[in-house]
Amino acid sequence: MVLILLGNGVVAGVLLKRSKAEGAGWLTITAAWGLAVFAGVFTSTAWGSADAHLNPAITVASGIMTGDWHKALVYIPAQILGAMAGQALVVALYWPHWAVTKDADAKLACFCTGPAIRKPLANVVAEMIGTFTLFLVIAAITSKAVGGASGLAIGLSPFLVGMLVWGIGMSLGGVTGYAINPARDFGPRLVHSLLPLPGKRDADWGYAWVPILGPVMGVSLAAVLIRCFN
């Protein structure tokens, strides 16, 4: 919920008309998404989720790494519901701005990702590379080689993961909007379909499989590679 509230909150602030952040640009969006991850991990940890999984792709990778899949049955539905709750808050927060924004594509972008150039195979590959990088570097950040036998200082890993997501957004995100998280895309896209948003278009469900399949394939490849080297 916190991840999407702050993440799609900044997208809405930049894209919706008469927002004070209107036109602030890509750097603002990528920086805020990094901070959103940082805030989401801290919040989920404080509320009792030691794993702090905000992303079904990370949950899938964890299952591949450990062989334990029972958490996925709880985590993935919770991730989607949390994303929906966060998006509902974004809609409520910016409610006056939806009506004055005439660009239906811009409104949709406040909910879910879309490609800069629609080439499904290339879009899947972009999401694969982004999510492969995400999990590979997270594994490095949390490894004993980096943190030592006692691990990194408490609170440092979430900060570094937020910085990683910022870097992925700036470097790799311009192709598809870097979902790198199926729940981040699917949950808000579902909210877009369900809510009576003024002047909205369809939710582009024909593209929705890309930010699900690409991230799952990317983390699966990274997890298998890590297991081979370990």
C-alpha atoms as a PDB file:
ATOM      1  CA  MET A   1       0.000   0.000   0.000  1.00  0.00           C
ATOM      2  CA  VAL A   2       2.748   2.454   0.954  1.00  0.00           C
ATOM      3  CA  LEU A   3       4.775   1.532  -2.130  1.00  0.00           C
ATOM      4  CA  ILE A   4       1.923   2.361  -4.505  1.00  0.00           C
ATOM      5  CA  LEU A   5       0.679   5.392  -2.568  1.00  0.00           C
ATOM      6  CA  LEU A   6       4.086   7.063  -2.873  1.00  0.00           C
ATOM      7  CA  GLY A   7       5.065   5.534  -6.225  1.00  0.00           C
ATOM      8  CA  ASN A   8       1.947   6.143  -8.279  1.00  0.00           C
ATOM      9  CA  GLY A   9       1.345   9.237  -6.180  1.00  0.00           C
ATOM     10  CA  VAL A  10       4.350  10.899  -7.773  1.00  0.00           C
ATOM     11  CA  VAL A  11       3.283   9.784 -11.250  1.00  0.00           C
ATOM     12  CA  ALA A  12      -0.116  11.386 -10.685  1.00  0.00           C
ATOM     13  CA  GLY A  13       1.525  14.531  -9.349  1.00  0.00           C
ATOM     14  CA  VAL A  14       3.710  14.856 -12.447  1.00  0.00           C
ATOM     15  CA  LEU A  15       1.100  13.937 -15.077  1.00  0.00           C
ATOM     16  CA  LEU A  16      -2.236  15.279 -13.843  1.00  0.00           C
ATOM     17  CA  LYS A  17      -3.271  18.810 -14.707  1.00  0.00           C
ATOM     18  CA  ARG A  18      -3.072  21.636 -12.152  1.00  0.00           C
ATOM     19  CA  SER A  19      -0.965  19.615  -9.747  1.00  0.00           C
ATOM     20  CA  LYS A  20       1.852  21.665  -8.224  1.00  0.00           C
ATOM     21  CA  ALA A  21       4.248  18.932  -9.415  1.00  0.00           C
ATOM     22  CA  GLU A  22       2.935  18.916 -12.985  1.00  0.00           C
ATOM     23  CA  GLY A  23       5.721  18.466 -15.511  1.00  0.00           C
ATOM     24  CA  ALA A  24       8.410  17.713 -12.901  1.00  0.00           C
ATOM     25  CA  GLY A  25       9.714  14.927 -15.128  1.00  0.00           C
ATOM     26  CA  TRP A  26      11.288  11.488 -15.173  1.00  0.00           C
ATOM     27  CA  LEU A  27      13.992  12.156 -12.602  1.00  0.00           C
ATOM     28  CA  THR A  28      11.344  13.136 -10.052  1.00  0.00           C
ATOM     29  CA  ILE A  29       9.352   9.983 -10.795  1.00  0.00           C
ATOM     30  CA  THR A  30      12.337   7.636 -10.548  1.00  0.00           C
ATOM     31  CA  ALA A  31      13.641   9.237  -7.354  1.00  0.00           C
ATOM     32  CA  ALA A  32      10.245   9.037  -5.649  1.00  0.00           C
ATOM     33  CA  TRP A  33       9.794   5.402  -6.688  1.00  0.00           C
ATOM     34  CA  GLY A  34      13.128   4.578  -5.044  1.00  0.00           C
ATOM     35  CA  LEU A  35      11.967   6.288  -1.869  1.00  0.00           C
ATOM     36  CA  ALA A  36       8.627   4.480  -2.144  1.00  0.00           C
ATOM     37  CA  VAL A  37      10.403   1.122  -2.086  1.00  0.00           C
ATOM     38  CA  PHE A  38      12.489   2.240   0.891  1.00  0.00           C
ATOM     39  CA  ALA A  39       9.358   3.358   2.766  1.00  0.00           C
ATOM     40  CA  GLY A  40       7.389   0.252   1.827  1.00  0.00           C
ATOM     41  CA  VAL A  41      10.078  -2.151   3.023  1.00  0.00           C
ATOM     42  CA  PHE A  42      10.424  -0.355   6.353  1.00  0.00           C
ATOM     43  CA  THR A  43       6.662  -0.232   6.872  1.00  0.00           C
ATOM     44  CA  SER A  44       6.061  -3.894   6.044  1.00  0.00           C
ATOM     45  CA  THR A  45       8.931  -4.918   8.313  1.00  0.00           C
ATOM     46  CA  ALA A  46       7.630  -2.805  11.203  1.00  0.00           C
ATOM     47  CA  TRP A  47       4.146  -4.298  10.789  1.00  0.00           C
ATOM     48  CA  GLY A  48       5.398  -7.849  11.162  1.00  0.00           C
ATOM     49  CA  SER A  49       6.626  -9.062   7.745  1.00  0.00           C
ATOM     50  CA  ALA A  50      10.276  -9.934   8.304  1.00  0.00           C
ATOM     51  CA  ASP A  51      10.688 -10.844   4.610  1.00  0.00           C
ATOM     52  CA  ALA A  52       9.290  -7.456   3.509  1.00  0.00           C
ATOM     53  CA  HIS A  53       8.217  -8.856   0.141  1.00  0.00           C
ATOM     54  CA  LEU A  54       6.461  -6.094  -1.810  1.00  0.00           C
ATOM     55  CA  ASN A  55       6.835  -7.883  -5.122  1.00  0.00           C
ATOM     56  CA  PRO A  56       5.451 -11.249  -6.323  1.00  0.00           C
ATOM     57  CA  ALA A  57       8.523 -11.656  -8.520  1.00  0.00           C
ATOM     58  CA  ILE A  58      10.758 -11.531  -5.444  1.00  0.00           C
ATOM     59  CA  THR A  59       8.467 -14.069  -3.762  1.00  0.00           C
ATOM     60  CA  VAL A  60       8.848 -16.363  -6.789  1.00  0.00           C
ATOM     61  CA  ALA A  61      12.626 -15.946  -6.725  1.00  0.00           C
ATOM     62  CA  SER A  62      12.657 -16.756  -3.008  1.00  0.00           C
ATOM     63  CA  GLY A  63      10.732 -19.948  -3.722  1.00  0.00           C
ATOM     64  CA  ILE A  64      13.254 -20.947  -6.372  1.00  0.00           C
ATOM     65  CA  MET A  65      16.148 -20.215  -4.036  1.00  0.00           C
ATOM     66  CA  THR A  66      14.766 -22.050  -0.989  1.00  0.00           C
ATOM     67  CA  GLY A  67      12.310 -24.576  -2.397  1.00  0.00           C
ATOM     68  CA  ASP A  68       9.707 -23.252   0.067  1.00  0.00           C
ATOM     69  CA  TRP A  69       6.577 -22.039  -1.696  1.00  0.00           C
ATOM     70  CA  HIS A  70       4.022 -21.901   1.106  1.00  0.00           C
ATOM     71  CA  LYS A  71       4.532 -18.167   1.725  1.00  0.00           C
ATOM     72  CA  ALA A  72       3.580 -17.372  -1.863  1.00  0.00           C
ATOM     73  CA  LEU A  73      -0.003 -18.436  -1.155  1.00  0.00           C
ATOM     74  CA  VAL A  74      -0.307 -15.593   1.365  1.00  0.00           C
ATOM     75  CA  TYR A  75       2.202 -13.053   0.100  1.00  0.00           C
ATOM     76  CA  ILE A  76       1.060 -12.705  -3.516  1.00  0.00           C
ATOM     77  CA  PRO A  77      -2.648 -12.051  -2.793  1.00  0.00           C
ATOM     78  CA  ALA A  78      -1.590  -9.619  -0.036  1.00  0.00           C
ATOM     79  CA  GLN A  79       0.748  -7.799  -2.417  1.00  0.00           C
ATOM     80  CA  ILE A  80      -2.028  -7.358  -4.980  1.00  0.00           C
ATOM     81  CA  LEU A  81      -4.554  -6.202  -2.364  1.00  0.00           C
ATOM     82  CA  GLY A  82      -2.021  -3.792  -0.891  1.00  0.00           C
ATOM     83  CA  ALA A  83      -1.332  -2.357  -4.328  1.00  0.00           C
ATOM     84  CA  MET A  84      -5.059  -1.880  -4.871  1.00  0.00           C
ATOM     85  CA  ALA A  85      -5.436  -0.134  -1.518  1.00  0.00           C
ATOM     86  CA  GLY A  86      -2.534   2.203  -2.263  1.00  0.00           C
ATOM     87  CA  GLN A  87      -3.967   3.056  -5.666  1.00  0.00           C
ATOM     88  CA  ALA A  88      -7.372   3.802  -4.165  1.00  0.00           C
ATOM     89  CA  LEU A  89      -5.658   6.326  -1.887  1.00  0.00           C
ATOM     90  CA  VAL A  90      -3.920   7.919  -4.888  1.00  0.00           C
ATOM     91  CA  VAL A  91      -7.284   8.245  -6.653  1.00  0.00           C
ATOM     92  CA  ALA A  92      -8.849   9.858  -3.574  1.00  0.00           C
ATOM     93  CA  LEU A  93      -5.911  12.213  -3.001  1.00  0.00           C
ATOM     94  CA  TYR A  94      -5.952  13.540  -6.564  1.00  0.00           C
ATOM     95  CA  TRP A  95      -9.724  13.342  -7.067  1.00  0.00           C
ATOM     96  CA  PRO A  96     -10.263  16.944  -8.345  1.00  0.00           C
ATOM     97  CA  HIS A  97      -7.434  16.512 -10.871  1.00  0.00           C
ATOM     98  CA  TRP A  98      -8.856  13.538 -12.776  1.00  0.00           C
ATOM     99  CA  ALA A  99     -11.723  15.600 -14.154  1.00  0.00           C
ATOM    100  CA  VAL A 100      -9.545  18.490 -15.346  1.00  0.00           C
ATOM    101  CA  THR A 101      -7.042  16.143 -17.030  1.00  0.00           C
ATOM    102  CA  LYS A 102      -8.334  15.376 -20.515  1.00  0.00           C
ATOM    103  CA  ASP A 103      -5.514  13.034 -21.572  1.00  0.00           C
ATOM    104  CA  ALA A 104      -6.872   9.538 -20.902  1.00  0.00           C
ATOM    105  CA  ASP A 105      -3.463   7.943 -21.565  1.00  0.00           C
ATOM    106  CA  ALA A 106      -1.874  10.148 -18.904  1.00  0.00           C
ATOM    107  CA  LYS A 107      -4.562   9.076 -16.450  1.00  0.00           C
ATOM    108  CA  LEU A 108      -3.892   5.402 -17.183  1.00  0.00           C
ATOM    109  CA  ALA A 109      -0.167   5.960 -16.661  1.00  0.00           C
ATOM    110  CA  CYS A 110      -0.957   7.025 -13.085  1.00  0.00           C
ATOM    111  CA  PHE A 111      -2.159   3.467 -12.488  1.00  0.00           C
ATOM    112  CA  CYS A 112       0.001   1.081 -14.497  1.00  0.00           C
ATOM    113  CA  THR A 113       2.899   0.837 -16.901  1.00  0.00           C
ATOM    114  CA  GLY A 114       2.958   1.017 -20.669  1.00  0.00           C
ATOM    115  CA  PRO A 115       5.676   0.779 -23.313  1.00  0.00           C
ATOM    116  CA  ALA A 116       7.310   3.734 -24.994  1.00  0.00           C
ATOM    117  CA  ILE A 117       7.295   1.672 -28.210  1.00  0.00           C
ATOM    118  CA  ARG A 118       4.805  -1.209 -28.272  1.00  0.00           C
ATOM    119  CA  LYS A 119       6.827  -4.254 -29.282  1.00  0.00           C
ATOM    120  CA  PRO A 120       5.649  -7.045 -26.954  1.00  0.00           C
ATOM    121  CA  LEU A 121       8.726  -9.270 -27.276  1.00  0.00           C
ATOM    122  CA  ALA A 122      11.115  -6.358 -26.753  1.00  0.00           C
ATOM    123  CA  ASN A 123       8.939  -5.104 -23.877  1.00  0.00           C
ATOM    124  CA  VAL A 124       9.094  -8.506 -22.156  1.00  0.00           C
ATOM    125  CA  VAL A 125      12.868  -8.574 -22.582  1.00  0.00           C
ATOM    126  CA  ALA A 126      13.134  -5.075 -21.067  1.00  0.00           C
ATOM    127  CA  GLU A 127      11.097  -6.146 -18.035  1.00  0.00           C
ATOM    128  CA  MET A 128      13.185  -9.315 -17.772  1.00  0.00           C
ATOM    129  CA  ILE A 129      16.449  -7.372 -17.748  1.00  0.00           C
ATOM    130  CA  GLY A 130      15.175  -4.853 -15.215  1.00  0.00           C
ATOM    131  CA  THR A 131      13.902  -7.489 -12.799  1.00  0.00           C
ATOM    132  CA  PHE A 132      16.936  -9.736 -13.337  1.00  0.00           C
ATOM    133  CA  THR A 133      19.080  -6.765 -12.303  1.00  0.00           C
ATOM    134  CA  LEU A 134      16.825  -6.053  -9.336  1.00  0.00           C
ATOM    135  CA  PHE A 135      17.104  -9.518  -7.825  1.00  0.00           C
ATOM    136  CA  LEU A 136      20.757 -10.064  -8.722  1.00  0.00           C
ATOM    137  CA  VAL A 137      21.820  -6.857  -6.983  1.00  0.00           C
ATOM    138  CA  ILE A 138      19.494  -7.423  -4.002  1.00  0.00           C
ATOM    139  CA  ALA A 139      21.158 -10.812  -3.555  1.00  0.00           C
ATOM    140  CA  ALA A 140      24.543  -9.095  -3.650  1.00  0.00           C
ATOM    141  CA  ILE A 141      23.489  -6.383  -1.171  1.00  0.00           C
ATOM    142  CA  THR A 142      22.258  -8.980   1.314  1.00  0.00           C
ATOM    143  CA  SER A 143      25.154 -11.409   0.815  1.00  0.00           C
ATOM    144  CA  LYS A 144      27.797 -12.129   3.445  1.00  0.00           C
ATOM    145  CA  ALA A 145      30.455 -11.014   0.982  1.00  0.00           C
ATOM    146  CA  VAL A 146      29.082  -7.478   1.212  1.00  0.00           C
ATOM    147  CA  GLY A 147      27.679  -7.375   4.742  1.00  0.00           C
ATOM    148  CA  GLY A 148      30.118  -9.659   6.507  1.00  0.00           C
ATOM    149  CA  ALA A 149      29.182 -12.430   8.917  1.00  0.00           C
ATOM    150  CA  SER A 150      26.934 -10.124  10.938  1.00  0.00           C
ATOM    151  CA  GLY A 151      25.249  -8.591   7.881  1.00  0.00           C
ATOM    152  CA  LEU A 152      24.687  -4.940   7.074  1.00  0.00           C
ATOM    153  CA  ALA A 153      23.588  -2.501   9.758  1.00  0.00           C
ATOM    154  CA  ILE A 154      19.843  -2.558  10.501  1.00  0.00           C
ATOM    155  CA  GLY A 155      18.012  -0.310   8.071  1.00  0.00           C
ATOM    156  CA  LEU A 156      20.830  -0.058   5.544  1.00  0.00           C
ATOM    157  CA  SER A 157      19.636  -2.799   3.186  1.00  0.00           C
ATOM    158  CA  PRO A 158      16.205  -1.207   2.519  1.00  0.00           C
ATOM    159  CA  PHE A 159      17.912   2.110   1.820  1.00  0.00           C
ATOM    160  CA  LEU A 160      20.285   0.465  -0.647  1.00  0.00           C
ATOM    161  CA  VAL A 161      17.442  -1.398  -2.359  1.00  0.00           C
ATOM    162  CA  GLY A 162      15.594   1.907  -2.757  1.00  0.00           C
ATOM    163  CA  MET A 163      18.696   3.399  -4.360  1.00  0.00           C
ATOM    164  CA  LEU A 164      18.884   0.349  -6.627  1.00  0.00           C
ATOM    165  CA  VAL A 165      15.290   0.863  -7.795  1.00  0.00           C
ATOM    166  CA  TRP A 166      16.067   4.525  -8.461  1.00  0.00           C
ATOM    167  CA  GLY A 167      19.049   3.469 -10.570  1.00  0.00           C
ATOM    168  CA  ILE A 168      17.022   0.888 -12.482  1.00  0.00           C
ATOM    169  CA  GLY A 169      14.379   3.510 -13.200  1.00  0.00           C
ATOM    170  CA  MET A 170      16.865   6.045 -14.547  1.00  0.00           C
ATOM    171  CA  SER A 171      18.944   3.538 -16.533  1.00  0.00           C
ATOM    172  CA  LEU A 172      16.481   0.896 -17.721  1.00  0.00           C
ATOM    173  CA  GLY A 173      12.998   2.257 -17.081  1.00  0.00           C
ATOM    174  CA  GLY A 174      12.481   4.390 -20.163  1.00  0.00           C
ATOM    175  CA  VAL A 175      11.471   1.445 -22.341  1.00  0.00           C
ATOM    176  CA  THR A 176       8.430   0.125 -20.454  1.00  0.00           C
ATOM    177  CA  GLY A 177       8.088   2.307 -17.357  1.00  0.00           C
ATOM    178  CA  TYR A 178       9.848  -0.464 -15.362  1.00  0.00           C
ATOM    179  CA  ALA A 179       7.046  -2.333 -13.632  1.00  0.00           C
ATOM    180  CA  ILE A 180       9.581  -4.940 -12.350  1.00  0.00           C
ATOM    181  CA  ASN A 181       6.742  -5.985 -10.034  1.00  0.00           C
ATOM    182  CA  PRO A 182       3.570  -7.766 -11.224  1.00  0.00           C
ATOM    183  CA  ALA A 183       1.464  -6.586  -8.247  1.00  0.00           C
ATOM    184  CA  ARG A 184       2.534  -2.978  -8.787  1.00  0.00           C
ATOM    185  CA  ASP A 185       1.023  -3.164 -12.282  1.00  0.00           C
ATOM    186  CA  PHE A 186      -1.883  -5.615 -11.944  1.00  0.00           C
ATOM    187  CA  GLY A 187      -3.458  -4.256  -8.751  1.00  0.00           C
ATOM    188  CA  PRO A 188      -3.696  -0.602  -9.861  1.00  0.00           C
ATOM    189  CA  ARG A 189      -4.741  -1.647 -13.377  1.00  0.00           C
ATOM    190  CA  LEU A 190      -7.643  -3.533 -11.810  1.00  0.00           C
ATOM    191  CA  VAL A 191      -8.552  -0.449  -9.760  1.00  0.00           C
ATOM    192  CA  HIS A 192      -8.581   1.606 -12.972  1.00  0.00           C
ATOM    193  CA  SER A 193     -11.060  -0.845 -14.473  1.00  0.00           C
ATOM    194  CA  LEU A 194     -13.331  -0.865 -11.429  1.00  0.00           C
ATOM    195  CA  LEU A 195     -13.530   2.794 -10.401  1.00  0.00           C
ATOM    196  CA  PRO A 196     -15.772   5.331 -12.189  1.00  0.00           C
ATOM    197  CA  LEU A 197     -12.908   7.642 -13.093  1.00  0.00           C
ATOM    198  CA  PRO A 198     -14.030  10.640 -15.180  1.00  0.00           C
ATOM    199  CA  GLY A 199     -12.891  10.536 -18.786  1.00  0.00           C
ATOM    200  CA  LYS A 200     -10.932   7.308 -18.495  1.00  0.00           C
ATOM    201  CA  ARG A 201      -9.997   4.952 -21.340  1.00  0.00           C
ATOM    202  CA  ASP A 202      -9.778   1.150 -21.219  1.00  0.00           C
ATOM    203  CA  ALA A 203      -7.119  -0.350 -18.925  1.00  0.00           C
ATOM    204  CA  ASP A 204      -5.063  -1.821 -21.810  1.00  0.00           C
ATOM    205  CA  TRP A 205      -5.441  -5.405 -20.615  1.00  0.00           C
ATOM    206  CA  GLY A 206      -3.876  -6.560 -23.872  1.00  0.00           C
ATOM    207  CA  TYR A 207      -0.526  -5.365 -22.516  1.00  0.00           C
ATOM    208  CA  ALA A 208      -1.043  -6.474 -18.904  1.00  0.00           C
ATOM    209  CA  TRP A 209       0.665  -9.851 -19.383  1.00  0.00           C
ATOM    210  CA  VAL A 210       4.002  -8.176 -20.179  1.00  0.00           C
ATOM    211  CA  PRO A 211       4.659  -6.701 -16.690  1.00  0.00           C
ATOM    212  CA  ILE A 212       3.690 -10.065 -15.192  1.00  0.00           C
ATOM    213  CA  LEU A 213       5.599 -12.484 -17.419  1.00  0.00           C
ATOM    214  CA  GLY A 214       8.729 -10.336 -17.886  1.00  0.00           C
ATOM    215  CA  PRO A 215       9.478  -9.833 -14.166  1.00  0.00           C
ATOM    216  CA  VAL A 216       8.769 -13.477 -13.294  1.00  0.00           C
ATOM    217  CA  MET A 217      11.094 -14.667 -16.070  1.00  0.00           C
ATOM    218  CA  GLY A 218      13.777 -12.169 -15.049  1.00  0.00           C
ATOM    219  CA  VAL A 219      13.893 -13.131 -11.372  1.00  0.00           C
ATOM    220  CA  SER A 220      13.680 -16.827 -12.221  1.00  0.00           C
ATOM    221  CA  LEU A 221      16.765 -16.516 -14.409  1.00  0.00           C
ATOM    222  CA  ALA A 222      18.606 -14.544 -11.712  1.00  0.00           C
ATOM    223  CA  ALA A 223      17.657 -17.052  -8.992  1.00  0.00           C
ATOM    224  CA  VAL A 224      18.827 -20.017 -11.072  1.00  0.00           C
ATOM    225  CA  LEU A 225      22.094 -18.232 -11.866  1.00  0.00           C
ATOM    226  CA  ILE A 226      22.717 -17.424  -8.190  1.00  0.00           C
ATOM    227  CA  ARG A 227      22.022 -21.021  -7.159  1.00  0.00           C
ATOM    228  CA  CYS A 228      24.456 -22.294  -9.788  1.00  0.00           C
ATOM    229  CA  PHE A 229      27.241 -20.037  -8.518  1.00  0.00           C
ATOM    230  CA  ASN A 230      26.515 -20.787  -4.873  1.00  0.00           C
END
